[in-house]
Amino acid sequence: MKECPICRSRDEKRFMAKVCLVVDAEHDLLECGDCGGMYFDPLPAIEHLSRFYSGSYYSFSRWHDEGKGAVYAKRLNRLKPEGNFLDVGCATGFFIHGIKRNSRWNVYGVEFGGDAIRFARDELGLEVTEGCLLDAGFPDEFFDYIHINNVLEHVLDPVELLQECRRIIKPDGYLFLSVPNGYNDSRSMIEYYRIEKRPARSINGHIFFFPRRTMISLIEKSKFFIEKKRTGSIKRGLRNIGILPRKKNWKSNHECKESQLAEMRSGITIESDKKYPDFYYRYRYIRSSMNNIPGLYDFGLDYLFLLRPMSR
């Protein structure tokens, strides 16, 4: 029996569904009988990840992300007047660009997608590294704040990622970690496969799924402790588990189609005009954050943690 990539257990794995990331590669979605985590088996090849994380994947809202960065800058300024900030999975860099413009903090980013990295470097002048976090080779205890927003579920070795964060964070540093609730996040894929008897596409590219107990155990084994924990994306979570009606097109979103290959090859699309003043985008982020509730609940789609490093 293969070992679980999350907890390394060789206990029996439970088959949950056939799944796919790109149209021409199928995987099994397995659940570990020990830690409860779920993952693609085999894990996707680098070639398939590179195709998935192409230009069109990074067509995010510049102004929303920079507005979030401006709000975050105020939070950082309350911690200390300057420091080192790392965004793991920085995409095109709009978020850290917003921090840079509104604080004296030094910002760094790491991103897998080459298209996004080139944009962040060439268009925004940011210091970003292409590849995984280990590729960056940051010094020990270098960062005051590390931000990981919906990234852990995408990487080939989430355990290694958190361990590297522990190495490079300062003893009094902060790690913000947002990760989908794996129990909730996997529901629609599993149901699609059971109904359609065809592989279910991972819509957002998630290849790992961390239920609550799995995530808490992983955090502790990585030598962090939880200072705050919250649940977000309540409405989407209630849809996934069937308490609220799903959107009518939910099945079509999980279909593996040839047309997706062409979509992946298209370039990054950036909004050319700002429709609203800066305060509107900051307000939108603050208002969205206010919908998060304390604690970790299965009916929410996202778990949000504020972590601190344990003493060595």
Foldseek 3Di string as FASTA:
>chain_A
DAADLQPRDPDDKDFQFWADAAQPDIFTWIADPPLRKTFTVPHDDPVSVQLNLFALLLQDALLLLLLQLLVVLVVVVVVDQEAEEEEEACFLPSNVLSNVVRGRYQYEYEHAHPQSVCNNCVVVVHHYYHDHPVVVVAAFQRGQEYEYAAPLQQDPRSLVNLLVVLGHHHQNHKYKHKHWQLVQLCQLQSVLCVVVVDHWHNLSRGGMHAHDSSVQVSCVVSQKDFPFKWFAQLVSLCCSVPVDPHDPCSNVSGDNDPVVSVSSNDHHDYDPDDPDDSVVSNVVVVVRVVRIGTDDDNSGTMMITMIGGHDD
